Amino acid sequence: MCKYIDILKIEVVSAEGCTEPIAIVYAIFRALGQIKGEIKQIQLYLSTNIIKDALEVSIPGTGKIGIEIAATLSKIIKKSEKKIEILSNFTKDKLDKANEIVDNKIM
C-alpha cells in the first residue's frame, strides 16, 4: 500500500482551475515556447470531450468562461515554471490584454 501513496505523492500535482481549460492553456503555452517570432493565430484541434467540458467552465480570476480566453491567456502569460498552475496570480494588465484580444477577435 505504501508504494501507491509514494507514487501519488510524486505524480499528483495541483492545478489552477478545471482540467480541460488548463490542458488547453498548458499545451498552447508549451507549443508557443517552441516558436520564434510573432504569433498571429492559434488553431486548436480538440476532441469533443475537451470542447464539451471546456466551453462552459469558468477560468479562475477572469470572470469569463470558455476556450478563447484560456487560449489567449496562454499567449499572454509567460510563466514556464508554473506548469499546470499557469493561470495562478496573473496580473490585471495581462487579463486586460487577453480580454482585448478576445473581444476584438485579434487572434
PDB file of N, CA and C in Angstrom:
ATOM      1  N   MET A   1       0.822  -1.203   0.000  1.00  0.00           N
ATOM      2  CA  MET A   1       0.000   0.000   0.000  1.00  0.00           C
ATOM      3  C   MET A   1       0.860   1.258   0.000  1.00  0.00           C
ATOM      4  N   CYS A   2       1.946   1.252   0.731  1.00  0.00           N
ATOM      5  CA  CYS A   2       2.811   2.430   0.818  1.00  0.00           C
ATOM      6  C   CYS A   2       3.356   2.840  -0.540  1.00  0.00           C
ATOM      7  N   LYS A   3       3.599   1.877  -1.423  1.00  0.00           N
ATOM      8  CA  LYS A   3       4.122   2.211  -2.754  1.00  0.00           C
ATOM      9  C   LYS A   3       3.123   3.070  -3.522  1.00  0.00           C
ATOM     10  N   TYR A   4       1.834   2.780  -3.391  1.00  0.00           N
ATOM     11  CA  TYR A   4       0.812   3.578  -4.082  1.00  0.00           C
ATOM     12  C   TYR A   4       0.798   5.017  -3.572  1.00  0.00           C
ATOM     13  N   ILE A   5       0.912   5.180  -2.289  1.00  0.00           N
ATOM     14  CA  ILE A   5       0.939   6.526  -1.705  1.00  0.00           C
ATOM     15  C   ILE A   5       2.179   7.278  -2.188  1.00  0.00           C
ATOM     16  N   ASP A   6       3.309   6.591  -2.235  1.00  0.00           N
ATOM     17  CA  ASP A   6       4.546   7.220  -2.717  1.00  0.00           C
ATOM     18  C   ASP A   6       4.412   7.661  -4.170  1.00  0.00           C
ATOM     19  N   ILE A   7       3.787   6.828  -4.995  1.00  0.00           N
ATOM     20  CA  ILE A   7       3.569   7.178  -6.403  1.00  0.00           C
ATOM     21  C   ILE A   7       2.650   8.392  -6.496  1.00  0.00           C
ATOM     22  N   LEU A   8       1.584   8.405  -5.730  1.00  0.00           N
ATOM     23  CA  LEU A   8       0.666   9.540  -5.743  1.00  0.00           C
ATOM     24  C   LEU A   8       1.366  10.825  -5.315  1.00  0.00           C
ATOM     25  N   LYS A   9       2.211  10.748  -4.315  1.00  0.00           N
ATOM     26  CA  LYS A   9       2.935  11.934  -3.853  1.00  0.00           C
ATOM     27  C   LYS A   9       3.844  12.496  -4.938  1.00  0.00           C
ATOM     28  N   ILE A  10       4.363  11.630  -5.785  1.00  0.00           N
ATOM     29  CA  ILE A  10       5.245  12.068  -6.879  1.00  0.00           C
ATOM     30  C   ILE A  10       4.439  12.585  -8.069  1.00  0.00           C
ATOM     31  N   GLU A  11       3.382  11.874  -8.421  1.00  0.00           N
ATOM     32  CA  GLU A  11       2.671  12.136  -9.671  1.00  0.00           C
ATOM     33  C   GLU A  11       1.550  13.162  -9.589  1.00  0.00           C
ATOM     34  N   VAL A  12       0.910  13.302  -8.458  1.00  0.00           N
ATOM     35  CA  VAL A  12      -0.226  14.208  -8.342  1.00  0.00           C
ATOM     36  C   VAL A  12       0.292  15.622  -8.086  1.00  0.00           C
ATOM     37  N   VAL A  13      -0.160  16.546  -8.922  1.00  0.00           N
ATOM     38  CA  VAL A  13       0.239  17.944  -8.769  1.00  0.00           C
ATOM     39  C   VAL A  13      -1.011  18.810  -8.759  1.00  0.00           C
ATOM     40  N   SER A  14      -0.897  19.982  -8.173  1.00  0.00           N
ATOM     41  CA  SER A  14      -2.057  20.871  -8.144  1.00  0.00           C
ATOM     42  C   SER A  14      -2.186  21.602  -9.475  1.00  0.00           C
ATOM     43  N   ALA A  15      -3.397  22.002  -9.763  1.00  0.00           N
ATOM     44  CA  ALA A  15      -3.691  22.765 -10.974  1.00  0.00           C
ATOM     45  C   ALA A  15      -4.537  23.962 -10.570  1.00  0.00           C
ATOM     46  N   GLU A  16      -4.515  24.990 -11.390  1.00  0.00           N
ATOM     47  CA  GLU A  16      -5.330  26.180 -11.152  1.00  0.00           C
ATOM     48  C   GLU A  16      -6.496  26.133 -12.122  1.00  0.00           C
ATOM     49  N   GLY A  17      -7.662  25.717 -11.626  1.00  0.00           N
ATOM     50  CA  GLY A  17      -8.839  25.675 -12.476  1.00  0.00           C
ATOM     51  C   GLY A  17      -9.182  24.269 -12.923  1.00  0.00           C
ATOM     52  N   CYS A  18     -10.174  24.184 -13.773  1.00  0.00           N
ATOM     53  CA  CYS A  18     -10.665  22.906 -14.290  1.00  0.00           C
ATOM     54  C   CYS A  18      -9.642  22.313 -15.270  1.00  0.00           C
ATOM     55  N   THR A  19      -9.576  21.001 -15.311  1.00  0.00           N
ATOM     56  CA  THR A  19      -8.517  20.342 -16.073  1.00  0.00           C
ATOM     57  C   THR A  19      -8.549  20.593 -17.572  1.00  0.00           C
ATOM     58  N   GLU A  20      -9.709  20.682 -18.179  1.00  0.00           N
ATOM     59  CA  GLU A  20      -9.750  20.850 -19.635  1.00  0.00           C
ATOM     60  C   GLU A  20      -9.195  22.205 -20.085  1.00  0.00           C
ATOM     61  N   PRO A  21      -9.671  23.333 -19.529  1.00  0.00           N
ATOM     62  CA  PRO A  21      -9.064  24.604 -19.935  1.00  0.00           C
ATOM     63  C   PRO A  21      -7.577  24.673 -19.602  1.00  0.00           C
ATOM     64  N   ILE A  22      -7.186  24.102 -18.476  1.00  0.00           N
ATOM     65  CA  ILE A  22      -5.775  24.111 -18.101  1.00  0.00           C
ATOM     66  C   ILE A  22      -4.965  23.279 -19.089  1.00  0.00           C
ATOM     67  N   ALA A  23      -5.502  22.166 -19.531  1.00  0.00           N
ATOM     68  CA  ALA A  23      -4.806  21.354 -20.538  1.00  0.00           C
ATOM     69  C   ALA A  23      -4.609  22.154 -21.819  1.00  0.00           C
ATOM     70  N   ILE A  24      -5.625  22.905 -22.213  1.00  0.00           N
ATOM     71  CA  ILE A  24      -5.530  23.745 -23.407  1.00  0.00           C
ATOM     72  C   ILE A  24      -4.466  24.823 -23.206  1.00  0.00           C
ATOM     73  N   VAL A  25      -4.537  25.525 -22.084  1.00  0.00           N
ATOM     74  CA  VAL A  25      -3.587  26.598 -21.792  1.00  0.00           C
ATOM     75  C   VAL A  25      -2.162  26.064 -21.784  1.00  0.00           C
ATOM     76  N   TYR A  26      -1.946  24.978 -21.095  1.00  0.00           N
ATOM     77  CA  TYR A  26      -0.598  24.455 -20.954  1.00  0.00           C
ATOM     78  C   TYR A  26      -0.062  23.916 -22.280  1.00  0.00           C
ATOM     79  N   ALA A  27      -0.893  23.235 -23.052  1.00  0.00           N
ATOM     80  CA  ALA A  27      -0.453  22.721 -24.358  1.00  0.00           C
ATOM     81  C   ALA A  27      -0.070  23.864 -25.298  1.00  0.00           C
ATOM     82  N   ILE A  28      -0.890  24.902 -25.332  1.00  0.00           N
ATOM     83  CA  ILE A  28      -0.574  26.060 -26.180  1.00  0.00           C
ATOM     84  C   ILE A  28       0.690  26.740 -25.685  1.00  0.00           C
ATOM     85  N   PHE A  29       0.786  26.935 -24.392  1.00  0.00           N
ATOM     86  CA  PHE A  29       1.959  27.573 -23.814  1.00  0.00           C
ATOM     87  C   PHE A  29       3.228  26.820 -24.194  1.00  0.00           C
ATOM     88  N   ARG A  30       3.192  25.496 -24.086  1.00  0.00           N
ATOM     89  CA  ARG A  30       4.370  24.683 -24.430  1.00  0.00           C
ATOM     90  C   ARG A  30       4.685  24.795 -25.920  1.00  0.00           C
ATOM     91  N   ALA A  31       3.659  24.774 -26.758  1.00  0.00           N
ATOM     92  CA  ALA A  31       3.879  24.900 -28.205  1.00  0.00           C
ATOM     93  C   ALA A  31       4.453  26.266 -28.554  1.00  0.00           C
ATOM     94  N   LEU A  32       3.915  27.312 -27.953  1.00  0.00           N
ATOM     95  CA  LEU A  32       4.393  28.660 -28.241  1.00  0.00           C
ATOM     96  C   LEU A  32       5.847  28.837 -27.823  1.00  0.00           C
ATOM     97  N   GLY A  33       6.268  28.101 -26.816  1.00  0.00           N
ATOM     98  CA  GLY A  33       7.654  28.167 -26.382  1.00  0.00           C
ATOM     99  C   GLY A  33       8.632  27.642 -27.415  1.00  0.00           C
ATOM    100  N   GLN A  34       8.133  26.887 -28.389  1.00  0.00           N
ATOM    101  CA  GLN A  34       8.977  26.318 -29.435  1.00  0.00           C
ATOM    102  C   GLN A  34       9.031  27.192 -30.687  1.00  0.00           C
ATOM    103  N   ILE A  35       8.220  28.242 -30.713  1.00  0.00           N
ATOM    104  CA  ILE A  35       8.092  29.071 -31.915  1.00  0.00           C
ATOM    105  C   ILE A  35       8.826  30.385 -31.719  1.00  0.00           C
ATOM    106  N   LYS A  36       9.592  30.749 -32.711  1.00  0.00           N
ATOM    107  CA  LYS A  36      10.265  32.044 -32.681  1.00  0.00           C
ATOM    108  C   LYS A  36       9.458  33.029 -33.519  1.00  0.00           C
ATOM    109  N   GLY A  37       9.416  34.270 -33.124  1.00  0.00           N
ATOM    110  CA  GLY A  37       8.681  35.272 -33.874  1.00  0.00           C
ATOM    111  C   GLY A  37       7.301  35.524 -33.304  1.00  0.00           C
ATOM    112  N   GLU A  38       6.563  36.363 -33.988  1.00  0.00           N
ATOM    113  CA  GLU A  38       5.236  36.774 -33.529  1.00  0.00           C
ATOM    114  C   GLU A  38       4.184  35.725 -33.869  1.00  0.00           C
ATOM    115  N   ILE A  39       3.300  35.475 -32.921  1.00  0.00           N
ATOM    116  CA  ILE A  39       2.191  34.544 -33.119  1.00  0.00           C
ATOM    117  C   ILE A  39       0.981  35.368 -33.541  1.00  0.00           C
ATOM    118  N   LYS A  40       0.463  35.096 -34.729  1.00  0.00           N
ATOM    119  CA  LYS A  40      -0.679  35.851 -35.239  1.00  0.00           C
ATOM    120  C   LYS A  40      -1.984  35.091 -35.095  1.00  0.00           C
ATOM    121  N   GLN A  41      -1.904  33.771 -35.002  1.00  0.00           N
ATOM    122  CA  GLN A  41      -3.126  32.977 -34.937  1.00  0.00           C
ATOM    123  C   GLN A  41      -2.826  31.663 -34.219  1.00  0.00           C
ATOM    124  N   ILE A  42      -3.801  31.194 -33.484  1.00  0.00           N
ATOM    125  CA  ILE A  42      -3.706  29.886 -32.841  1.00  0.00           C
ATOM    126  C   ILE A  42      -4.906  29.070 -33.307  1.00  0.00           C
ATOM    127  N   GLN A  43      -4.631  27.902 -33.871  1.00  0.00           N
ATOM    128  CA  GLN A  43      -5.701  26.992 -34.263  1.00  0.00           C
ATOM    129  C   GLN A  43      -5.641  25.777 -33.359  1.00  0.00           C
ATOM    130  N   LEU A  44      -6.784  25.414 -32.830  1.00  0.00           N
ATOM    131  CA  LEU A  44      -6.856  24.275 -31.929  1.00  0.00           C
ATOM    132  C   LEU A  44      -7.627  23.139 -32.581  1.00  0.00           C
ATOM    133  N   TYR A  45      -7.131  21.937 -32.405  1.00  0.00           N
ATOM    134  CA  TYR A  45      -7.819  20.723 -32.837  1.00  0.00           C
ATOM    135  C   TYR A  45      -8.067  19.919 -31.565  1.00  0.00           C
ATOM    136  N   LEU A  46      -9.304  19.965 -31.099  1.00  0.00           N
ATOM    137  CA  LEU A  46      -9.649  19.394 -29.803  1.00  0.00           C
ATOM    138  C   LEU A  46     -10.654  18.265 -29.948  1.00  0.00           C
ATOM    139  N   SER A  47     -10.591  17.328 -29.027  1.00  0.00           N
ATOM    140  CA  SER A  47     -11.591  16.264 -29.006  1.00  0.00           C
ATOM    141  C   SER A  47     -12.926  16.847 -28.558  1.00  0.00           C
ATOM    142  N   THR A  48     -13.985  16.153 -28.888  1.00  0.00           N
ATOM    143  CA  THR A  48     -15.310  16.639 -28.486  1.00  0.00           C
ATOM    144  C   THR A  48     -15.442  16.673 -26.964  1.00  0.00           C
ATOM    145  N   ASN A  49     -14.793  15.761 -26.273  1.00  0.00           N
ATOM    146  CA  ASN A  49     -14.866  15.761 -24.804  1.00  0.00           C
ATOM    147  C   ASN A  49     -14.180  16.982 -24.219  1.00  0.00           C
ATOM    148  N   ILE A  50     -13.033  17.359 -24.746  1.00  0.00           N
ATOM    149  CA  ILE A  50     -12.346  18.570 -24.264  1.00  0.00           C
ATOM    150  C   ILE A  50     -13.217  19.785 -24.542  1.00  0.00           C
ATOM    151  N   ILE A  51     -13.749  19.873 -25.747  1.00  0.00           N
ATOM    152  CA  ILE A  51     -14.597  21.018 -26.112  1.00  0.00           C
ATOM    153  C   ILE A  51     -15.806  21.090 -25.189  1.00  0.00           C
ATOM    154  N   LYS A  52     -16.492  19.972 -25.035  1.00  0.00           N
ATOM    155  CA  LYS A  52     -17.708  19.926 -24.204  1.00  0.00           C
ATOM    156  C   LYS A  52     -17.416  20.408 -22.784  1.00  0.00           C
ATOM    157  N   ASP A  53     -16.328  19.927 -22.226  1.00  0.00           N
ATOM    158  CA  ASP A  53     -16.025  20.262 -20.837  1.00  0.00           C
ATOM    159  C   ASP A  53     -15.406  21.652 -20.686  1.00  0.00           C
ATOM    160  N   ALA A  54     -14.698  22.130 -21.685  1.00  0.00           N
ATOM    161  CA  ALA A  54     -14.010  23.420 -21.572  1.00  0.00           C
ATOM    162  C   ALA A  54     -14.890  24.619 -21.923  1.00  0.00           C
ATOM    163  N   LEU A  55     -15.924  24.402 -22.712  1.00  0.00           N
ATOM    164  CA  LEU A  55     -16.746  25.528 -23.170  1.00  0.00           C
ATOM    165  C   LEU A  55     -17.491  26.250 -22.062  1.00  0.00           C
ATOM    166  N   GLU A  56     -17.899  25.547 -21.053  1.00  0.00           N
ATOM    167  CA  GLU A  56     -18.751  26.138 -20.032  1.00  0.00           C
ATOM    168  C   GLU A  56     -18.078  26.278 -18.673  1.00  0.00           C
ATOM    169  N   VAL A  57     -16.761  26.200 -18.647  1.00  0.00           N
ATOM    170  CA  VAL A  57     -16.050  26.236 -17.375  1.00  0.00           C
ATOM    171  C   VAL A  57     -15.453  27.619 -17.157  1.00  0.00           C
ATOM    172  N   SER A  58     -15.635  28.129 -15.963  1.00  0.00           N
ATOM    173  CA  SER A  58     -15.084  29.426 -15.605  1.00  0.00           C
ATOM    174  C   SER A  58     -13.560  29.339 -15.494  1.00  0.00           C
ATOM    175  N   ILE A  59     -12.886  30.328 -16.032  1.00  0.00           N
ATOM    176  CA  ILE A  59     -11.434  30.405 -15.940  1.00  0.00           C
ATOM    177  C   ILE A  59     -11.105  31.241 -14.697  1.00  0.00           C
ATOM    178  N   PRO A  60     -10.415  30.683 -13.733  1.00  0.00           N
ATOM    179  CA  PRO A  60     -10.157  31.383 -12.470  1.00  0.00           C
ATOM    180  C   PRO A  60      -9.536  32.762 -12.660  1.00  0.00           C
ATOM    181  N   GLY A  61     -10.106  33.725 -11.957  1.00  0.00           N
ATOM    182  CA  GLY A  61      -9.558  35.073 -11.963  1.00  0.00           C
ATOM    183  C   GLY A  61      -9.924  35.932 -13.156  1.00  0.00           C
ATOM    184  N   THR A  62     -10.744  35.391 -14.081  1.00  0.00           N
ATOM    185  CA  THR A  62     -11.080  36.158 -15.284  1.00  0.00           C
ATOM    186  C   THR A  62     -12.531  36.621 -15.308  1.00  0.00           C
ATOM    187  N   GLY A  63     -13.406  35.902 -14.624  1.00  0.00           N
ATOM    188  CA  GLY A  63     -14.829  36.202 -14.717  1.00  0.00           C
ATOM    189  C   GLY A  63     -15.417  35.760 -16.041  1.00  0.00           C
ATOM    190  N   LYS A  64     -14.672  34.959 -16.810  1.00  0.00           N
ATOM    191  CA  LYS A  64     -15.124  34.507 -18.122  1.00  0.00           C
ATOM    192  C   LYS A  64     -15.081  32.992 -18.193  1.00  0.00           C
ATOM    193  N   ILE A  65     -15.785  32.487 -19.195  1.00  0.00           N
ATOM    194  CA  ILE A  65     -15.785  31.052 -19.449  1.00  0.00           C
ATOM    195  C   ILE A  65     -15.269  30.802 -20.855  1.00  0.00           C
ATOM    196  N   GLY A  66     -14.808  29.598 -21.087  1.00  0.00           N
ATOM    197  CA  GLY A  66     -14.554  29.173 -22.441  1.00  0.00           C
ATOM    198  C   GLY A  66     -13.111  29.019 -22.878  1.00  0.00           C
ATOM    199  N   ILE A  67     -13.011  28.506 -24.078  1.00  0.00           N
ATOM    200  CA  ILE A  67     -11.738  28.150 -24.680  1.00  0.00           C
ATOM    201  C   ILE A  67     -10.971  29.384 -25.159  1.00  0.00           C
ATOM    202  N   GLU A  68     -11.667  30.377 -25.707  1.00  0.00           N
ATOM    203  CA  GLU A  68     -10.974  31.546 -26.266  1.00  0.00           C
ATOM    204  C   GLU A  68     -10.132  32.280 -25.233  1.00  0.00           C
ATOM    205  N   ILE A  69     -10.704  32.543 -24.071  1.00  0.00           N
ATOM    206  CA  ILE A  69      -9.950  33.275 -23.048  1.00  0.00           C
ATOM    207  C   ILE A  69      -8.799  32.414 -22.536  1.00  0.00           C
ATOM    208  N   ALA A  70      -9.014  31.109 -22.408  1.00  0.00           N
ATOM    209  CA  ALA A  70      -7.946  30.214 -21.960  1.00  0.00           C
ATOM    210  C   ALA A  70      -6.798  30.215 -22.964  1.00  0.00           C
ATOM    211  N   ALA A  71      -7.125  30.083 -24.244  1.00  0.00           N
ATOM    212  CA  ALA A  71      -6.090  30.064 -25.282  1.00  0.00           C
ATOM    213  C   ALA A  71      -5.343  31.392 -25.346  1.00  0.00           C
ATOM    214  N   THR A  72      -6.061  32.478 -25.218  1.00  0.00           N
ATOM    215  CA  THR A  72      -5.439  33.799 -25.282  1.00  0.00           C
ATOM    216  C   THR A  72      -4.533  34.033 -24.084  1.00  0.00           C
ATOM    217  N   LEU A  73      -4.971  33.636 -22.912  1.00  0.00           N
ATOM    218  CA  LEU A  73      -4.130  33.799 -21.726  1.00  0.00           C
ATOM    219  C   LEU A  73      -2.819  33.033 -21.857  1.00  0.00           C
ATOM    220  N   SER A  74      -2.854  31.893 -22.540  1.00  0.00           N
ATOM    221  CA  SER A  74      -1.621  31.124 -22.703  1.00  0.00           C
ATOM    222  C   SER A  74      -0.586  31.887 -23.511  1.00  0.00           C
ATOM    223  N   LYS A  75      -1.060  32.758 -24.397  1.00  0.00           N
ATOM    224  CA  LYS A  75      -0.142  33.586 -25.190  1.00  0.00           C
ATOM    225  C   LYS A  75       0.386  34.757 -24.360  1.00  0.00           C
ATOM    226  N   ILE A  76      -0.442  35.298 -23.493  1.00  0.00           N
ATOM    227  CA  ILE A  76      -0.092  36.487 -22.722  1.00  0.00           C
ATOM    228  C   ILE A  76       0.780  36.161 -21.513  1.00  0.00           C
ATOM    229  N   ILE A  77       0.464  35.064 -20.841  1.00  0.00           N
ATOM    230  CA  ILE A  77       1.185  34.697 -19.612  1.00  0.00           C
ATOM    231  C   ILE A  77       2.444  33.931 -19.985  1.00  0.00           C
ATOM    232  N   LYS A  78       3.541  34.358 -19.444  1.00  0.00           N
ATOM    233  CA  LYS A  78       4.808  33.686 -19.753  1.00  0.00           C
ATOM    234  C   LYS A  78       5.460  33.240 -18.456  1.00  0.00           C
ATOM    235  N   LYS A  79       4.968  32.111 -17.910  1.00  0.00           N
ATOM    236  CA  LYS A  79       5.499  31.592 -16.655  1.00  0.00           C
ATOM    237  C   LYS A  79       5.724  30.090 -16.794  1.00  0.00           C
ATOM    238  N   SER A  80       6.806  29.697 -17.384  1.00  0.00           N
ATOM    239  CA  SER A  80       7.036  28.276 -17.638  1.00  0.00           C
ATOM    240  C   SER A  80       7.143  27.454 -16.369  1.00  0.00           C
ATOM    241  N   GLU A  81       7.640  28.053 -15.295  1.00  0.00           N
ATOM    242  CA  GLU A  81       7.820  27.293 -14.057  1.00  0.00           C
ATOM    243  C   GLU A  81       6.495  26.927 -13.405  1.00  0.00           C
ATOM    244  N   LYS A  82       5.401  27.547 -13.822  1.00  0.00           N
ATOM    245  CA  LYS A  82       4.095  27.295 -13.208  1.00  0.00           C
ATOM    246  C   LYS A  82       3.438  26.011 -13.701  1.00  0.00           C
ATOM    247  N   LYS A  83       3.822  25.493 -14.839  1.00  0.00           N
ATOM    248  CA  LYS A  83       3.249  24.295 -15.441  1.00  0.00           C
ATOM    249  C   LYS A  83       1.726  24.380 -15.446  1.00  0.00           C
ATOM    250  N   ILE A  84       1.020  23.425 -14.828  1.00  0.00           N
ATOM    251  CA  ILE A  84      -0.446  23.469 -14.918  1.00  0.00           C
ATOM    252  C   ILE A  84      -1.075  24.419 -13.906  1.00  0.00           C
ATOM    253  N   GLU A  85      -0.265  25.176 -13.218  1.00  0.00           N
ATOM    254  CA  GLU A  85      -0.754  26.277 -12.390  1.00  0.00           C
ATOM    255  C   GLU A  85      -0.503  27.604 -13.106  1.00  0.00           C
ATOM    256  N   ILE A  86      -0.372  27.547 -14.411  1.00  0.00           N
ATOM    257  CA  ILE A  86       0.000  28.708 -15.220  1.00  0.00           C
ATOM    258  C   ILE A  86      -0.970  29.876 -15.043  1.00  0.00           C
ATOM    259  N   LEU A  87      -2.214  29.594 -14.712  1.00  0.00           N
ATOM    260  CA  LEU A  87      -3.190  30.669 -14.561  1.00  0.00           C
ATOM    261  C   LEU A  87      -3.219  31.279 -13.165  1.00  0.00           C
ATOM    262  N   SER A  88      -2.330  30.849 -12.302  1.00  0.00           N
ATOM    263  CA  SER A  88      -2.345  31.403 -10.949  1.00  0.00           C
ATOM    264  C   SER A  88      -1.593  32.731 -10.914  1.00  0.00           C
ATOM    265  N   ASN A  89      -2.215  33.709 -10.281  1.00  0.00           N
ATOM    266  CA  ASN A  89      -1.578  35.000  -9.998  1.00  0.00           C
ATOM    267  C   ASN A  89      -1.142  35.805 -11.220  1.00  0.00           C
ATOM    268  N   PHE A  90      -1.911  35.773 -12.299  1.00  0.00           N
ATOM    269  CA  PHE A  90      -1.569  36.670 -13.406  1.00  0.00           C
ATOM    270  C   PHE A  90      -2.062  38.073 -13.073  1.00  0.00           C
ATOM    271  N   THR A  91      -1.463  39.064 -13.711  1.00  0.00           N
ATOM    272  CA  THR A  91      -1.767  40.455 -13.375  1.00  0.00           C
ATOM    273  C   THR A  91      -3.020  40.945 -14.093  1.00  0.00           C
ATOM    274  N   LYS A  92      -3.572  42.038 -13.586  1.00  0.00           N
ATOM    275  CA  LYS A  92      -4.729  42.670 -14.222  1.00  0.00           C
ATOM    276  C   LYS A  92      -4.368  43.146 -15.621  1.00  0.00           C
ATOM    277  N   ASP A  93      -3.153  43.637 -15.813  1.00  0.00           N
ATOM    278  CA  ASP A  93      -2.708  44.082 -17.135  1.00  0.00           C
ATOM    279  C   ASP A  93      -2.738  42.941 -18.151  1.00  0.00           C
ATOM    280  N   LYS A  94      -2.296  41.765 -17.722  1.00  0.00           N
ATOM    281  CA  LYS A  94      -2.307  40.616 -18.623  1.00  0.00           C
ATOM    282  C   LYS A  94      -3.738  40.182 -18.931  1.00  0.00           C
ATOM    283  N   LEU A  95      -4.607  40.235 -17.937  1.00  0.00           N
ATOM    284  CA  LEU A  95      -6.009  39.899 -18.168  1.00  0.00           C
ATOM    285  C   LEU A  95      -6.651  40.913 -19.110  1.00  0.00           C
ATOM    286  N   ASP A  96      -6.368  42.200 -18.907  1.00  0.00           N
ATOM    287  CA  ASP A  96      -6.915  43.238 -19.794  1.00  0.00           C
ATOM    288  C   ASP A  96      -6.464  43.017 -21.235  1.00  0.00           C
ATOM    289  N   LYS A  97      -5.200  42.678 -21.433  1.00  0.00           N
ATOM    290  CA  LYS A  97      -4.666  42.429 -22.777  1.00  0.00           C
ATOM    291  C   LYS A  97      -5.351  41.209 -23.394  1.00  0.00           C
ATOM    292  N   ALA A  98      -5.522  40.157 -22.614  1.00  0.00           N
ATOM    293  CA  ALA A  98      -6.198  38.959 -23.113  1.00  0.00           C
ATOM    294  C   ALA A  98      -7.649  39.267 -23.483  1.00  0.00           C
ATOM    295  N   ASN A  99      -8.345  40.034 -22.635  1.00  0.00           N
ATOM    296  CA  ASN A  99      -9.732  40.415 -22.935  1.00  0.00           C
ATOM    297  C   ASN A  99      -9.813  41.251 -24.205  1.00  0.00           C
ATOM    298  N   GLU A 100      -8.863  42.142 -24.388  1.00  0.00           N
ATOM    299  CA  GLU A 100      -8.838  42.974 -25.600  1.00  0.00           C
ATOM    300  C   GLU A 100      -8.682  42.100 -26.846  1.00  0.00           C
ATOM    301  N   ILE A 101      -7.798  41.126 -26.787  1.00  0.00           N
ATOM    302  CA  ILE A 101      -7.590  40.231 -27.926  1.00  0.00           C
ATOM    303  C   ILE A 101      -8.852  39.421 -28.216  1.00  0.00           C
ATOM    304  N   VAL A 102      -9.470  38.878 -27.174  1.00  0.00           N
ATOM    305  CA  VAL A 102     -10.693  38.085 -27.356  1.00  0.00           C
ATOM    306  C   VAL A 102     -11.841  38.958 -27.861  1.00  0.00           C
ATOM    307  N   ASP A 103     -12.040  40.108 -27.217  1.00  0.00           N
ATOM    308  CA  ASP A 103     -13.160  40.985 -27.582  1.00  0.00           C
ATOM    309  C   ASP A 103     -13.051  41.503 -29.013  1.00  0.00           C
ATOM    310  N   ASN A 104     -11.833  41.778 -29.448  1.00  0.00           N
ATOM    311  CA  ASN A 104     -11.620  42.325 -30.795  1.00  0.00           C
ATOM    312  C   ASN A 104     -11.304  41.254 -31.825  1.00  0.00           C
ATOM    313  N   LYS A 105     -11.349  40.005 -31.385  1.00  0.00           N
ATOM    314  CA  LYS A 105     -11.087  38.858 -32.285  1.00  0.00           C
ATOM    315  C   LYS A 105      -9.788  39.063 -33.059  1.00  0.00           C
ATOM    316  N   ILE A 106      -8.754  39.498 -32.332  1.00  0.00           N
ATOM    317  CA  ILE A 106      -7.451  39.753 -32.935  1.00  0.00           C
ATOM    318  C   ILE A 106      -6.750  38.451 -33.302  1.00  0.00           C
ATOM    319  N   MET A 107      -6.967  37.429 -32.533  1.00  0.00           N
ATOM    320  CA  MET A 107      -6.246  36.182 -32.753  1.00  0.00           C
ATOM    321  C   MET A 107      -7.183  35.090 -33.188  1.00  0.00           C
TER     322      MET A 107
END
